[in-house]
Amino acid sequence: MRPATVDVMLPFYGDPDLLRRAVRSVLDQHRTDWRLTVVDDGYPDDTIEPWFAALDDDRVRYRRNPRRLGAQPNNRFCIEAVELPYFVMMGADDLMRTDYLDTVLALHEQHPEAAVVQPGVEIMDEADRPVRPLADRVKAVLAPSGTGPRELSGEPLAVSLLRGNWLYNPSLCWRTDALKAGGIPESADVFDLALPIEVIASGGSIVVDDHVCFRYRRHRSSDSGSGATAGNRFAEERRYFAAEAARMAARGWPRAARAARRHVSSRLNAAVQLPGAALRRDTAALRALAHHLLTR
């Protein structure tokens, strides 16, 4: 067996059955040069630790946090614990197809300067059925055109992502030194865009491919979705986009600065939330959503 080259980091707080299935999808990979680290943020279930012990696989590490950190701090802990040349921050309810690591590591070998690889992704619901919700149809429209592996970088890539984030972060395979060189921004605790933008601003590139080898689970409700509905998340997003607009302008990327100031897809997300808030007669959420929609 070849030495491990990729850290699969799996932060967990949720459904133990989905966690076990996610882990099995890693165990079933054609490639064997991986190390899986599960960081359990204290989910109240006594069956999880014995299940991992019974796997008896040296490539699998299970850690249970002594106190609950919360989703974003646990994610940050996982990123900071990465040691191997490549890493994946997988969702605990997502699934790798058996050729996922074959695909993303081959693309890294073909594009050795690339910081990140985004493979093709299939969306599934709670019952594993393929679905195409509105959010994912929008991502498909925003994603770069073309077929086959293509490497993107610089201001055009920053403009594209700041206009609307078409990445699926749990499916990304990162080159560890590219991320560590730029550091983990504080805004990485805000939402999924901060890390890719940090890498791009530091000169990194992204390889996009169409071959579907990862299954991303889209739940009808989630922590991030409920926070967005209440308007809680949008104030943080406005602060993030304002800071990025200033940074892009200082870098001499005016189109990227303009895309950050406009943050079109974030505003559209607020618009989509408005009818639900109106039906609930949630005055506070209506005010927060309208403010985000209308304010730069």
Protein backbone atom coordinates (compact mmCIF):
# COMPACT_ATOMS: atom_id res chain seq x y z
CA MET A 1 0.00 0.00 0.00
CA ARG A 2 1.40 3.39 -1.03
CA PRO A 3 1.92 6.13 1.62
CA ALA A 4 -1.07 8.36 2.29
CA THR A 5 -1.23 11.49 0.13
CA VAL A 6 -4.67 12.90 0.90
CA ASP A 7 -6.34 13.83 4.20
CA VAL A 8 -10.09 13.30 4.12
CA MET A 9 -11.39 15.51 6.94
CA LEU A 10 -14.94 14.83 8.08
CA PRO A 11 -16.41 17.17 10.74
CA PHE A 12 -19.55 15.64 12.22
CA TYR A 13 -22.63 16.62 14.15
CA GLY A 14 -25.78 15.05 12.79
CA ASP A 15 -27.25 11.72 11.66
CA PRO A 16 -25.00 8.78 12.70
CA ASP A 17 -26.41 6.56 9.93
CA LEU A 18 -25.50 9.11 7.26
CA LEU A 19 -22.06 9.47 8.85
CA ARG A 20 -21.47 5.72 8.62
CA ARG A 21 -22.49 5.75 4.96
CA ALA A 22 -20.15 8.66 4.24
CA VAL A 23 -17.29 6.76 5.89
CA ARG A 24 -18.11 3.62 3.93
CA SER A 25 -17.90 5.62 0.70
CA VAL A 26 -14.32 6.56 1.64
CA LEU A 27 -13.44 2.98 2.56
CA ASP A 28 -14.75 1.86 -0.85
CA GLN A 29 -12.41 4.13 -2.85
CA HIS A 30 -10.36 2.46 -5.57
CA ARG A 31 -7.32 4.39 -4.35
CA THR A 32 -5.97 3.45 -0.95
CA ASP A 33 -3.53 6.31 -0.29
CA TRP A 34 -5.89 8.29 1.95
CA ARG A 35 -6.28 8.98 5.65
CA LEU A 36 -9.72 9.70 7.08
CA THR A 37 -10.13 11.86 10.19
CA VAL A 38 -13.61 12.16 11.69
CA VAL A 39 -14.02 14.96 14.23
CA ASP A 40 -17.21 14.37 16.20
CA ASP A 41 -18.39 17.62 17.78
CA GLY A 42 -20.06 15.79 20.66
CA TYR A 43 -23.16 14.36 19.00
CA PRO A 44 -25.18 12.51 21.69
CA ASP A 45 -25.01 8.92 20.42
CA ASP A 46 -23.18 6.11 22.21
CA THR A 47 -22.92 3.87 19.14
CA ILE A 48 -20.55 6.02 17.10
CA GLU A 49 -17.21 5.48 18.85
CA PRO A 50 -17.60 1.66 19.13
CA TRP A 51 -18.50 1.51 15.43
CA PHE A 52 -15.24 3.24 14.50
CA ALA A 53 -13.24 1.01 16.84
CA ALA A 54 -14.72 -2.05 15.15
CA LEU A 55 -13.50 -0.90 11.74
CA ASP A 56 -9.95 -1.75 12.82
CA ASP A 57 -8.46 0.29 9.97
CA ASP A 58 -5.28 2.28 10.66
CA ARG A 59 -6.24 4.79 7.96
CA VAL A 60 -9.32 5.88 9.93
CA ARG A 61 -8.98 8.21 12.92
CA TYR A 62 -11.90 9.17 15.16
CA ARG A 63 -11.78 12.10 17.56
CA ARG A 64 -14.58 13.33 19.80
CA ASN A 65 -14.26 16.95 20.92
CA PRO A 66 -14.25 17.23 24.75
CA ARG A 67 -16.70 20.13 24.44
CA ARG A 68 -18.86 21.19 21.53
CA LEU A 69 -17.16 23.78 19.31
CA GLY A 70 -20.01 24.53 16.90
CA ALA A 71 -20.06 23.89 13.15
CA GLN A 72 -17.71 26.58 11.88
CA PRO A 73 -15.07 26.29 14.64
CA ASN A 74 -15.07 22.52 14.13
CA ASN A 75 -14.56 23.04 10.40
CA ARG A 76 -11.65 25.37 11.15
CA PHE A 77 -10.15 22.80 13.53
CA CYS A 78 -10.29 20.20 10.75
CA ILE A 79 -8.58 22.47 8.22
CA GLU A 80 -5.82 23.37 10.68
CA ALA A 81 -5.24 19.65 11.40
CA VAL A 82 -4.47 18.81 7.75
CA GLU A 83 -0.94 17.44 7.21
CA LEU A 84 -0.85 15.52 3.91
CA PRO A 85 -0.20 17.07 0.46
CA TYR A 86 -3.90 17.13 -0.49
CA PHE A 87 -7.10 17.29 1.48
CA VAL A 88 -10.88 17.09 1.20
CA MET A 89 -13.36 18.62 3.69
CA MET A 90 -16.20 16.18 3.15
CA GLY A 91 -19.72 16.62 4.48
CA ALA A 92 -20.84 13.96 6.95
CA ASP A 93 -23.95 13.26 4.86
CA ASP A 94 -22.32 13.28 1.42
CA LEU A 95 -21.01 10.32 -0.56
CA MET A 96 -17.92 9.73 -2.66
CA ARG A 97 -18.32 7.53 -5.70
CA THR A 98 -15.67 4.83 -5.85
CA ASP A 99 -13.59 6.75 -8.41
CA TYR A 100 -13.66 10.12 -6.61
CA LEU A 101 -10.05 10.04 -5.39
CA ASP A 102 -8.89 8.53 -8.68
CA THR A 103 -10.44 11.49 -10.48
CA VAL A 104 -9.37 14.43 -8.32
CA LEU A 105 -5.81 13.22 -7.67
CA ALA A 106 -5.29 12.49 -11.37
CA LEU A 107 -6.40 16.04 -12.14
CA HIS A 108 -3.94 17.39 -9.57
CA GLU A 109 -1.18 15.36 -11.23
CA GLN A 110 -2.16 16.75 -14.65
CA HIS A 111 -2.35 20.33 -13.28
CA PRO A 112 0.36 20.41 -10.59
CA GLU A 113 0.08 24.18 -10.06
CA ALA A 114 -3.68 24.09 -9.42
CA ALA A 115 -4.72 24.88 -5.85
CA VAL A 116 -8.16 23.24 -6.01
CA VAL A 117 -10.00 20.65 -8.09
CA GLN A 118 -13.79 20.81 -8.53
CA PRO A 119 -15.09 17.53 -10.02
CA GLY A 120 -18.57 16.87 -11.34
CA VAL A 121 -21.22 16.61 -8.62
CA GLU A 122 -24.63 14.93 -8.45
CA ILE A 123 -27.24 16.41 -6.09
CA MET A 124 -29.35 14.05 -3.99
CA ASP A 125 -32.10 14.49 -1.43
CA GLU A 126 -32.61 12.91 2.00
CA ALA A 127 -33.59 9.61 0.35
CA ASP A 128 -30.58 9.56 -2.05
CA ARG A 129 -32.81 10.47 -5.01
CA PRO A 130 -31.22 12.72 -7.67
CA VAL A 131 -32.73 16.22 -7.48
CA ARG A 132 -32.19 19.65 -9.08
CA PRO A 133 -33.46 22.29 -6.63
CA LEU A 134 -33.48 25.96 -7.59
CA ALA A 135 -30.17 26.65 -5.83
CA ASP A 136 -28.42 24.01 -7.90
CA ARG A 137 -30.02 25.08 -11.17
CA VAL A 138 -28.67 28.58 -10.46
CA LYS A 139 -25.20 27.14 -9.70
CA ALA A 140 -25.27 25.33 -13.05
CA VAL A 141 -26.01 28.60 -14.86
CA LEU A 142 -23.24 30.44 -12.99
CA ALA A 143 -20.60 27.72 -13.46
CA PRO A 144 -17.95 28.19 -16.18
CA SER A 145 -18.95 26.96 -19.62
CA GLY A 146 -16.98 24.33 -21.49
CA THR A 147 -16.34 20.62 -21.25
CA GLY A 148 -13.53 18.51 -19.89
CA PRO A 149 -10.90 19.68 -17.40
CA ARG A 150 -10.24 23.44 -17.56
CA GLU A 151 -8.04 25.53 -15.32
CA LEU A 152 -9.31 28.96 -14.20
CA SER A 153 -7.53 31.72 -12.31
CA GLY A 154 -7.10 35.44 -11.70
CA GLU A 155 -9.66 38.21 -11.82
CA PRO A 156 -12.11 36.44 -14.19
CA LEU A 157 -12.38 33.56 -11.71
CA ALA A 158 -12.80 35.94 -8.76
CA VAL A 159 -15.53 37.84 -10.65
CA SER A 160 -17.33 34.60 -11.43
CA LEU A 161 -17.36 33.38 -7.82
CA LEU A 162 -18.14 36.77 -6.24
CA ARG A 163 -21.08 37.09 -8.62
CA GLY A 164 -22.37 33.70 -7.49
CA ASN A 165 -20.67 30.77 -5.77
CA TRP A 166 -20.99 27.74 -8.07
CA LEU A 167 -18.54 25.55 -6.12
CA TYR A 168 -19.54 22.52 -4.01
CA ASN A 169 -17.06 22.83 -1.18
CA PRO A 170 -17.42 19.30 0.28
CA SER A 171 -16.41 17.88 -3.12
CA LEU A 172 -13.29 20.03 -3.52
CA CYS A 173 -9.83 18.50 -3.34
CA TRP A 174 -7.28 21.10 -2.20
CA ARG A 175 -3.52 21.28 -2.52
CA THR A 176 -2.55 21.76 1.11
CA ASP A 177 0.45 24.02 0.60
CA ALA A 178 -1.60 26.40 -1.57
CA LEU A 179 -4.08 26.90 1.25
CA LYS A 180 -1.51 27.09 4.03
CA ALA A 181 0.52 29.68 2.09
CA GLY A 182 -2.34 32.16 2.14
CA GLY A 183 -3.54 31.26 5.61
CA ILE A 184 -7.11 30.64 6.72
CA PRO A 185 -9.02 33.93 6.69
CA GLU A 186 -11.15 34.89 9.67
CA SER A 187 -14.04 35.25 7.22
CA ALA A 188 -13.84 31.51 6.56
CA ASP A 189 -16.25 31.27 9.48
CA VAL A 190 -18.83 33.19 7.44
CA PHE A 191 -19.60 30.95 4.48
CA ASP A 192 -18.09 28.74 1.81
CA LEU A 193 -16.71 31.44 -0.48
CA ALA A 194 -13.97 32.85 1.76
CA LEU A 195 -11.39 30.06 1.38
CA PRO A 196 -11.54 29.80 -2.43
CA ILE A 197 -11.38 33.58 -2.83
CA GLU A 198 -8.39 33.73 -0.46
CA VAL A 199 -6.56 31.15 -2.58
CA ILE A 200 -7.45 32.89 -5.86
CA ALA A 201 -6.33 36.28 -4.51
CA SER A 202 -3.00 34.63 -3.59
CA GLY A 203 -2.51 33.49 -7.18
CA GLY A 204 -4.06 30.02 -6.99
CA SER A 205 -6.10 28.39 -9.74
CA ILE A 206 -9.05 26.00 -9.83
CA VAL A 207 -9.46 23.03 -12.18
CA VAL A 208 -13.09 22.31 -13.05
CA ASP A 209 -14.13 18.97 -14.53
CA ASP A 210 -17.45 17.45 -15.62
CA HIS A 211 -16.89 13.84 -14.60
CA VAL A 212 -19.41 13.15 -11.82
CA CYS A 213 -17.75 11.33 -8.93
CA PHE A 214 -19.27 12.96 -5.83
CA ARG A 215 -22.83 13.00 -4.44
CA TYR A 216 -23.80 16.14 -2.51
CA ARG A 217 -26.84 15.95 -0.25
CA ARG A 218 -29.26 18.88 -0.40
CA HIS A 219 -31.59 18.86 2.61
CA ARG A 220 -34.90 20.69 2.59
CA SER A 221 -33.80 22.40 5.80
CA SER A 222 -30.39 23.01 7.37
CA ASP A 223 -28.66 25.19 9.95
CA SER A 224 -27.40 27.56 7.27
CA GLY A 225 -30.75 27.64 5.52
CA SER A 226 -32.73 28.47 8.66
CA GLY A 227 -30.21 31.15 9.57
CA ALA A 228 -30.56 32.69 6.14
CA THR A 229 -34.35 32.60 6.41
CA ALA A 230 -34.20 34.57 9.65
CA GLY A 231 -31.84 37.08 8.04
CA ASN A 232 -29.06 36.27 10.53
CA ARG A 233 -26.49 35.26 7.95
CA PHE A 234 -26.92 38.17 5.58
CA ALA A 235 -25.37 40.81 7.84
CA GLU A 236 -22.19 38.71 7.95
CA GLU A 237 -22.28 38.31 4.17
CA ARG A 238 -22.55 42.09 3.68
CA ARG A 239 -19.49 42.65 5.87
CA TYR A 240 -17.60 39.98 3.94
CA PHE A 241 -18.47 41.39 0.51
CA ALA A 242 -17.60 44.93 1.60
CA ALA A 243 -14.18 43.78 2.78
CA GLU A 244 -13.60 41.82 -0.43
CA ALA A 245 -14.65 44.79 -2.58
CA ALA A 246 -12.00 46.91 -0.85
CA ARG A 247 -9.35 44.18 -1.16
CA MET A 248 -10.06 43.56 -4.84
CA ALA A 249 -9.94 47.29 -5.60
CA ALA A 250 -6.60 47.58 -3.81
CA ARG A 251 -5.32 44.62 -5.81
CA GLY A 252 -6.22 46.36 -9.07
CA TRP A 253 -9.11 44.03 -9.91
CA PRO A 254 -11.95 46.53 -10.51
CA ARG A 255 -14.35 44.02 -12.04
CA ALA A 256 -13.97 41.73 -9.03
CA ALA A 257 -14.47 44.69 -6.68
CA ARG A 258 -17.67 45.59 -8.52
CA ALA A 259 -18.93 41.98 -8.34
CA ALA A 260 -18.28 41.95 -4.59
CA ARG A 261 -20.13 45.23 -4.06
CA ARG A 262 -23.11 43.98 -6.04
CA HIS A 263 -23.09 40.39 -4.60
CA VAL A 264 -25.96 39.55 -6.93
CA SER A 265 -26.60 35.92 -5.96
CA SER A 266 -26.57 36.78 -2.25
CA ARG A 267 -29.26 39.40 -2.90
CA LEU A 268 -31.27 36.93 -4.97
CA ASN A 269 -31.06 34.46 -2.10
CA ALA A 270 -32.59 37.10 0.18
CA ALA A 271 -35.33 37.72 -2.39
CA VAL A 272 -36.15 33.99 -2.50
CA GLN A 273 -36.52 33.98 1.31
CA LEU A 274 -38.97 36.91 1.36
CA PRO A 275 -42.21 35.04 0.47
CA GLY A 276 -41.67 32.49 3.25
CA ALA A 277 -41.03 35.23 5.80
CA ALA A 278 -44.17 37.01 4.61
CA LEU A 279 -46.28 33.85 4.97
CA ARG A 280 -44.97 33.41 8.52
CA ARG A 281 -45.61 37.10 9.20
CA ASP A 282 -42.06 37.28 10.52
CA THR A 283 -41.57 41.04 10.66
CA ALA A 284 -37.96 40.87 11.87
CA ALA A 285 -36.95 38.49 9.08
CA LEU A 286 -38.77 40.61 6.49
CA ARG A 287 -36.85 43.71 7.60
CA ALA A 288 -33.50 41.89 7.57
CA LEU A 289 -34.09 40.32 4.17
CA ALA A 290 -35.34 43.54 2.60
CA HIS A 291 -32.36 45.41 4.03
CA HIS A 292 -29.95 42.91 2.49
CA LEU A 293 -31.77 42.98 -0.83
CA LEU A 294 -31.71 46.78 -1.13
CA THR A 295 -28.47 47.80 0.65
CA ARG A 296 -24.92 47.70 -0.67
